[in-house]
C-alpha cells in the first residue's frame, strides 16, 4: 500500500482447516496480471524481485495449504491462506 491504508486480517475454522484472509486498501492487482502473480520474477512494482508471492505460495503448499487471490468488490487485494489444522 504505497500511500498507507488499512490491512484487515480475519481467520476462521472451516472443515478441518483454518482460513486466514488478508484484505488491503492498496492499488489492487490488474486483471491482466492476476494469472501470473505466483510465478517467480514477475513483478509490477518498481524495484520488485517478483519473489514474495512465489516464496509464500511454496511455503504454504509445503505445509499442505493453499494461497489464493480472492475476487471481491472492495478496493485493494484480498489473499486467503488455507492451512490444515494440526499440520500436514
N, C-alpha and C. Protein backbone atom coordinates (compact mmCIF):
# COMPACT_ATOMS: atom_id res chain seq x y z
N UNK A 1 0.85 -1.16 0.00
CA UNK A 1 0.00 0.00 0.00
C UNK A 1 0.90 1.23 0.00
N UNK A 2 1.25 1.71 -1.18
CA UNK A 2 2.22 2.80 -1.28
C UNK A 2 1.87 4.06 -0.51
N UNK A 3 0.59 4.37 -0.36
CA UNK A 3 0.20 5.59 0.34
C UNK A 3 -0.40 5.31 1.71
N UNK A 4 -0.18 4.10 2.22
CA UNK A 4 -0.74 3.72 3.51
C UNK A 4 -2.13 3.15 3.35
N UNK A 5 -2.76 2.87 4.46
CA UNK A 5 -4.10 2.30 4.45
C UNK A 5 -4.23 1.22 5.50
N UNK A 6 -5.34 0.55 5.47
CA UNK A 6 -5.62 -0.50 6.46
C UNK A 6 -5.40 -1.89 5.86
N UNK A 7 -5.00 -2.79 6.71
CA UNK A 7 -4.89 -4.21 6.37
C UNK A 7 -5.80 -4.95 7.33
N UNK A 8 -6.82 -5.59 6.79
CA UNK A 8 -7.79 -6.33 7.59
C UNK A 8 -7.44 -7.81 7.53
N UNK A 9 -7.23 -8.42 8.68
CA UNK A 9 -6.89 -9.84 8.75
C UNK A 9 -8.00 -10.55 9.51
N UNK A 10 -8.57 -11.58 8.90
CA UNK A 10 -9.61 -12.36 9.54
C UNK A 10 -9.24 -13.83 9.46
N UNK A 11 -9.69 -14.59 10.44
CA UNK A 11 -9.43 -16.03 10.46
C UNK A 11 -10.69 -16.75 10.91
N UNK A 12 -10.86 -17.96 10.35
CA UNK A 12 -11.99 -18.79 10.77
C UNK A 12 -11.63 -20.25 10.55
N UNK A 13 -12.26 -21.09 11.33
CA UNK A 13 -12.10 -22.53 11.19
C UNK A 13 -13.17 -23.02 10.23
N UNK A 14 -12.76 -23.88 9.27
CA UNK A 14 -13.71 -24.40 8.30
C UNK A 14 -13.28 -25.79 7.85
N UNK A 15 -14.05 -26.80 8.21
CA UNK A 15 -13.84 -28.19 7.76
C UNK A 15 -12.41 -28.68 7.97
N UNK A 16 -11.91 -28.63 9.17
CA UNK A 16 -10.57 -29.13 9.47
C UNK A 16 -9.44 -28.25 9.02
N UNK A 17 -9.76 -27.06 8.56
CA UNK A 17 -8.76 -26.08 8.12
C UNK A 17 -8.95 -24.77 8.86
N UNK A 18 -7.93 -23.95 8.78
CA UNK A 18 -8.07 -22.56 9.19
C UNK A 18 -7.88 -21.72 7.94
N UNK A 19 -8.79 -20.76 7.73
CA UNK A 19 -8.71 -19.83 6.61
C UNK A 19 -8.37 -18.44 7.15
N UNK A 20 -7.30 -17.89 6.63
CA UNK A 20 -6.86 -16.56 7.04
C UNK A 20 -6.89 -15.67 5.81
N UNK A 21 -7.66 -14.59 5.89
CA UNK A 21 -7.79 -13.66 4.77
C UNK A 21 -7.09 -12.35 5.09
N UNK A 22 -6.43 -11.81 4.08
CA UNK A 22 -5.70 -10.55 4.19
C UNK A 22 -6.27 -9.60 3.14
N UNK A 23 -7.01 -8.59 3.57
CA UNK A 23 -7.62 -7.61 2.66
C UNK A 23 -6.92 -6.28 2.88
N UNK A 24 -6.32 -5.74 1.81
CA UNK A 24 -5.67 -4.45 1.95
C UNK A 24 -6.44 -3.37 1.19
N UNK A 25 -5.99 -2.13 1.36
CA UNK A 25 -6.61 -0.99 0.68
C UNK A 25 -5.65 -0.39 -0.34
N UNK A 26 -4.79 -1.23 -0.88
CA UNK A 26 -3.81 -0.75 -1.85
C UNK A 26 -4.40 -0.59 -3.24
N UNK A 27 -3.53 -0.63 -4.22
CA UNK A 27 -3.92 -0.40 -5.60
C UNK A 27 -4.55 -1.62 -6.26
N UNK A 28 -4.49 -2.77 -5.61
CA UNK A 28 -5.06 -3.99 -6.18
C UNK A 28 -4.15 -4.59 -7.23
N UNK A 29 -4.64 -5.64 -7.88
CA UNK A 29 -3.88 -6.33 -8.91
C UNK A 29 -4.71 -6.29 -10.19
N UNK A 30 -4.14 -5.73 -11.22
CA UNK A 30 -4.84 -5.62 -12.50
C UNK A 30 -5.24 -7.00 -13.01
N UNK A 31 -6.39 -7.10 -13.64
CA UNK A 31 -6.91 -8.39 -14.10
C UNK A 31 -5.94 -9.09 -15.05
N UNK A 32 -5.23 -8.33 -15.89
CA UNK A 32 -4.28 -8.95 -16.82
C UNK A 32 -3.04 -9.50 -16.12
N UNK A 33 -2.78 -9.07 -14.89
CA UNK A 33 -1.62 -9.56 -14.13
C UNK A 33 -1.96 -10.73 -13.22
N UNK A 34 -3.22 -10.98 -12.97
CA UNK A 34 -3.62 -11.96 -11.96
C UNK A 34 -3.22 -13.39 -12.29
N UNK A 35 -3.18 -13.77 -13.56
CA UNK A 35 -2.87 -15.15 -13.93
C UNK A 35 -1.44 -15.54 -13.58
N UNK A 36 -0.55 -14.57 -13.45
CA UNK A 36 0.88 -14.87 -13.25
C UNK A 36 1.44 -14.44 -11.91
N UNK A 37 0.59 -14.10 -10.96
CA UNK A 37 1.11 -13.49 -9.72
C UNK A 37 1.96 -14.43 -8.87
N UNK A 38 1.80 -15.75 -9.03
CA UNK A 38 2.58 -16.68 -8.23
C UNK A 38 3.83 -17.18 -8.98
N UNK A 39 4.04 -16.70 -10.20
CA UNK A 39 5.22 -17.08 -10.99
C UNK A 39 6.44 -16.28 -10.50
N UNK A 40 7.61 -16.93 -10.44
CA UNK A 40 8.81 -16.21 -9.98
C UNK A 40 9.24 -15.13 -10.97
N UNK A 41 9.77 -14.07 -10.43
CA UNK A 41 10.36 -12.95 -11.15
C UNK A 41 9.34 -12.14 -11.96
N UNK A 42 8.06 -12.25 -11.61
CA UNK A 42 7.02 -11.42 -12.22
C UNK A 42 6.65 -10.36 -11.18
N UNK A 43 6.90 -9.11 -11.50
CA UNK A 43 6.59 -8.03 -10.57
C UNK A 43 6.06 -6.83 -11.33
N UNK A 44 5.10 -6.16 -10.74
CA UNK A 44 4.60 -4.91 -11.31
C UNK A 44 5.07 -3.72 -10.49
N UNK A 45 5.88 -3.98 -9.46
CA UNK A 45 6.36 -2.92 -8.59
C UNK A 45 7.75 -2.46 -8.99
N UNK A 46 7.96 -1.18 -8.92
CA UNK A 46 9.28 -0.60 -9.20
C UNK A 46 10.30 -1.21 -8.24
N UNK A 47 11.32 -1.85 -8.77
CA UNK A 47 12.37 -2.45 -7.96
C UNK A 47 11.98 -3.77 -7.33
N UNK A 48 10.80 -4.33 -7.65
CA UNK A 48 10.36 -5.60 -7.08
C UNK A 48 11.12 -6.77 -7.68
N UNK A 49 11.32 -7.82 -6.89
CA UNK A 49 12.01 -9.02 -7.39
C UNK A 49 11.05 -10.05 -7.96
N UNK A 50 9.78 -9.96 -7.59
CA UNK A 50 8.82 -10.94 -8.06
C UNK A 50 8.94 -12.27 -7.35
N UNK A 51 9.48 -12.24 -6.14
CA UNK A 51 9.66 -13.50 -5.39
C UNK A 51 8.76 -13.61 -4.17
N UNK A 52 8.18 -12.52 -3.70
CA UNK A 52 7.41 -12.55 -2.46
C UNK A 52 6.24 -13.53 -2.49
N UNK A 53 5.38 -13.42 -3.49
CA UNK A 53 4.23 -14.33 -3.57
C UNK A 53 4.65 -15.75 -3.93
N UNK A 54 5.70 -15.89 -4.74
CA UNK A 54 6.19 -17.23 -5.09
C UNK A 54 6.69 -17.97 -3.86
N UNK A 55 7.50 -17.30 -3.06
CA UNK A 55 8.03 -17.92 -1.84
C UNK A 55 6.90 -18.23 -0.87
N UNK A 56 5.97 -17.29 -0.70
CA UNK A 56 4.83 -17.51 0.19
C UNK A 56 4.01 -18.71 -0.27
N UNK A 57 3.72 -18.77 -1.56
CA UNK A 57 2.95 -19.87 -2.14
C UNK A 57 3.61 -21.21 -1.87
N UNK A 58 4.92 -21.28 -2.09
CA UNK A 58 5.66 -22.54 -1.90
C UNK A 58 5.72 -22.97 -0.43
N UNK A 59 5.88 -22.03 0.48
CA UNK A 59 5.89 -22.38 1.91
C UNK A 59 4.53 -22.91 2.32
N UNK A 60 3.47 -22.23 1.92
CA UNK A 60 2.12 -22.64 2.29
C UNK A 60 1.79 -24.00 1.68
N UNK A 61 2.18 -24.23 0.42
CA UNK A 61 1.95 -25.52 -0.23
C UNK A 61 2.71 -26.63 0.48
N UNK A 62 3.93 -26.36 0.92
CA UNK A 62 4.73 -27.37 1.64
C UNK A 62 4.09 -27.76 2.96
N UNK A 63 3.28 -26.88 3.52
CA UNK A 63 2.57 -27.16 4.77
C UNK A 63 1.21 -27.81 4.51
N UNK A 64 0.92 -28.12 3.24
CA UNK A 64 -0.35 -28.75 2.89
C UNK A 64 -1.49 -27.77 2.70
N UNK A 65 -1.16 -26.51 2.49
CA UNK A 65 -2.18 -25.48 2.37
C UNK A 65 -2.27 -24.89 0.99
N UNK A 66 -3.05 -23.83 0.89
CA UNK A 66 -3.27 -23.12 -0.37
C UNK A 66 -3.19 -21.62 -0.14
N UNK A 67 -2.73 -20.91 -1.16
CA UNK A 67 -2.73 -19.45 -1.17
C UNK A 67 -3.44 -19.03 -2.44
N UNK A 68 -4.44 -18.19 -2.31
CA UNK A 68 -5.17 -17.74 -3.50
C UNK A 68 -5.57 -16.29 -3.38
N UNK A 69 -5.70 -15.67 -4.55
CA UNK A 69 -6.21 -14.31 -4.65
C UNK A 69 -7.73 -14.42 -4.76
N UNK A 70 -8.44 -13.77 -3.86
CA UNK A 70 -9.90 -13.80 -3.89
C UNK A 70 -10.44 -12.61 -4.67
N UNK A 71 -11.50 -12.84 -5.39
CA UNK A 71 -12.18 -11.77 -6.10
C UNK A 71 -13.25 -11.17 -5.18
N UNK A 72 -13.29 -9.87 -5.09
CA UNK A 72 -14.35 -9.20 -4.35
C UNK A 72 -14.51 -7.79 -4.90
N UNK A 73 -15.47 -7.08 -4.39
CA UNK A 73 -15.75 -5.74 -4.92
C UNK A 73 -15.14 -4.63 -4.06
N UNK A 74 -14.22 -4.99 -3.20
CA UNK A 74 -13.58 -3.99 -2.36
C UNK A 74 -12.31 -3.45 -3.02
N UNK A 75 -11.89 -2.29 -2.56
CA UNK A 75 -10.65 -1.70 -3.05
C UNK A 75 -9.47 -2.54 -2.56
N UNK A 76 -8.43 -2.65 -3.35
CA UNK A 76 -7.23 -3.37 -2.95
C UNK A 76 -7.27 -4.83 -3.37
N UNK A 77 -6.47 -5.63 -2.68
CA UNK A 77 -6.36 -7.06 -2.97
C UNK A 77 -6.72 -7.85 -1.73
N UNK A 78 -7.23 -9.07 -1.95
CA UNK A 78 -7.55 -9.96 -0.84
C UNK A 78 -6.95 -11.33 -1.13
N UNK A 79 -6.05 -11.76 -0.26
CA UNK A 79 -5.46 -13.09 -0.36
C UNK A 79 -5.98 -13.95 0.77
N UNK A 80 -6.16 -15.22 0.47
CA UNK A 80 -6.61 -16.18 1.50
C UNK A 80 -5.60 -17.32 1.61
N UNK A 81 -5.19 -17.59 2.83
CA UNK A 81 -4.33 -18.72 3.15
C UNK A 81 -5.20 -19.76 3.83
N UNK A 82 -5.18 -20.98 3.32
CA UNK A 82 -5.89 -22.09 3.93
C UNK A 82 -4.87 -23.13 4.37
N UNK A 83 -4.89 -23.47 5.64
CA UNK A 83 -3.95 -24.45 6.20
C UNK A 83 -4.70 -25.52 6.96
N UNK A 84 -4.24 -26.76 6.86
CA UNK A 84 -4.88 -27.81 7.64
C UNK A 84 -4.59 -27.63 9.12
N UNK A 85 -5.59 -27.85 9.95
CA UNK A 85 -5.39 -27.76 11.39
C UNK A 85 -4.60 -28.99 11.83
N UNK A 86 -3.55 -28.77 12.58
CA UNK A 86 -2.71 -29.86 13.05
C UNK A 86 -1.57 -30.18 12.11
N UNK A 87 -1.44 -29.48 11.02
CA UNK A 87 -0.34 -29.68 10.09
C UNK A 87 -0.62 -30.74 9.06
N UNK A 88 0.34 -30.90 8.19
CA UNK A 88 0.21 -31.83 7.06
C UNK A 88 0.42 -33.25 7.52
